[in-house]
Amino acid sequence: MSHKKIIFILSLVVAIGIAFTPVIGIRHDADGIIYFGFPADMFVYYGNGGWSTSSLGPFFNIAFFYVIFLQLYKLVTKKKLLKNIEK
């Protein structure tokens, strides 16, 4: 599997995982509405059994974490390359 597919799957898992992490991804409203997601809202629970998804929140979160992991991957591979050149 290519590194881009692995990074995409990792960003998908992290975006969903962080959305349900109590300290980071869950916010409570004064009206009893609960928002799930970080940095953008992915899911909204209204308290009476109703829920909805935000229109672009899930896509933004996945893209956000994808860019972060891609930059980390490039940084690590660049360091490995520079380390091999110095030898």
Protein backbone atom coordinates (compact mmCIF):
# COMPACT_ATOMS: atom_id res chain seq x y z
CA MET A 1 0.00 0.00 0.00
CA SER A 2 1.29 3.47 -0.79
CA HIS A 3 2.11 5.94 1.94
CA LYS A 4 -0.71 8.26 0.83
CA LYS A 5 -3.35 5.55 1.39
CA ILE A 6 -1.91 4.74 4.79
CA ILE A 7 -1.87 8.42 5.75
CA PHE A 8 -5.49 8.78 4.58
CA ILE A 9 -6.66 5.80 6.64
CA LEU A 10 -4.70 7.09 9.65
CA SER A 11 -6.25 10.55 9.32
CA LEU A 12 -9.74 9.03 9.03
CA VAL A 13 -9.26 6.97 12.18
CA VAL A 14 -7.75 9.87 14.12
CA ALA A 15 -10.49 12.31 13.04
CA ILE A 16 -13.23 9.92 14.20
CA GLY A 17 -11.33 8.98 17.36
CA ILE A 18 -10.75 12.57 18.42
CA ALA A 19 -14.40 13.42 17.72
CA PHE A 20 -15.44 11.10 20.56
CA THR A 21 -12.62 11.97 22.98
CA PRO A 22 -14.27 13.72 25.95
CA VAL A 23 -11.72 16.45 26.66
CA ILE A 24 -10.79 17.33 23.07
CA GLY A 25 -13.69 16.57 20.78
CA ILE A 26 -16.91 16.88 22.78
CA ARG A 27 -18.47 20.25 23.54
CA HIS A 28 -21.75 20.86 25.40
CA ASP A 29 -24.11 23.72 24.60
CA ALA A 30 -26.31 25.50 27.17
CA ASP A 31 -29.40 24.06 25.45
CA GLY A 32 -28.24 20.47 25.93
CA ILE A 33 -26.84 20.10 22.42
CA ILE A 34 -23.62 18.09 22.20
CA TYR A 35 -21.10 18.76 19.41
CA PHE A 36 -18.55 16.12 18.43
CA GLY A 37 -15.39 16.92 16.50
CA PHE A 38 -12.12 18.79 16.47
CA PRO A 39 -11.24 21.25 14.92
CA ALA A 40 -14.60 21.37 13.11
CA ASP A 41 -17.88 19.82 14.26
CA MET A 42 -18.52 16.40 12.72
CA PHE A 43 -21.67 15.22 14.51
CA VAL A 44 -24.35 16.99 16.53
CA TYR A 45 -26.60 15.28 19.12
CA TYR A 46 -29.72 17.21 20.11
CA GLY A 47 -30.59 15.31 23.29
CA ASN A 48 -34.01 13.99 22.24
CA GLY A 49 -32.63 11.18 20.10
CA GLY A 50 -32.02 13.43 17.11
CA TRP A 51 -28.60 13.83 15.56
CA SER A 52 -27.08 15.24 12.40
CA THR A 53 -23.77 15.56 10.64
CA SER A 54 -22.21 18.85 9.73
CA SER A 55 -21.93 19.35 6.00
CA LEU A 56 -18.20 19.95 5.60
CA GLY A 57 -16.95 19.21 9.12
CA PRO A 58 -15.94 15.57 8.54
CA PHE A 59 -14.18 16.41 5.27
CA PHE A 60 -12.34 19.32 6.84
CA ASN A 61 -11.19 17.22 9.82
CA ILE A 62 -9.94 14.39 7.62
CA ALA A 63 -8.12 16.87 5.35
CA PHE A 64 -6.69 18.68 8.39
CA PHE A 65 -5.17 15.53 9.87
CA TYR A 66 -4.10 14.30 6.43
CA VAL A 67 -2.04 17.46 5.87
CA ILE A 68 -0.49 17.17 9.34
CA PHE A 69 0.47 13.51 8.88
CA LEU A 70 1.73 14.12 5.35
CA GLN A 71 4.00 16.92 6.58
CA LEU A 72 5.28 14.69 9.38
CA TYR A 73 5.96 11.92 6.87
CA LYS A 74 7.89 14.30 4.63
CA LEU A 75 9.86 15.63 7.59
CA VAL A 76 10.83 12.13 8.77
CA THR A 77 11.80 10.90 5.31
CA LYS A 78 13.83 14.08 4.69
CA LYS A 79 15.71 13.56 7.96
CA LYS A 80 16.41 9.94 7.03
CA LEU A 81 17.64 11.03 3.61
CA LEU A 82 19.91 13.70 5.07
CA LYS A 83 21.23 11.24 7.64
CA ASN A 84 22.10 8.74 4.87
CA ILE A 85 23.84 11.42 2.79
CA GLU A 86 26.06 12.46 5.71
CA LYS A 87 27.39 8.92 6.12
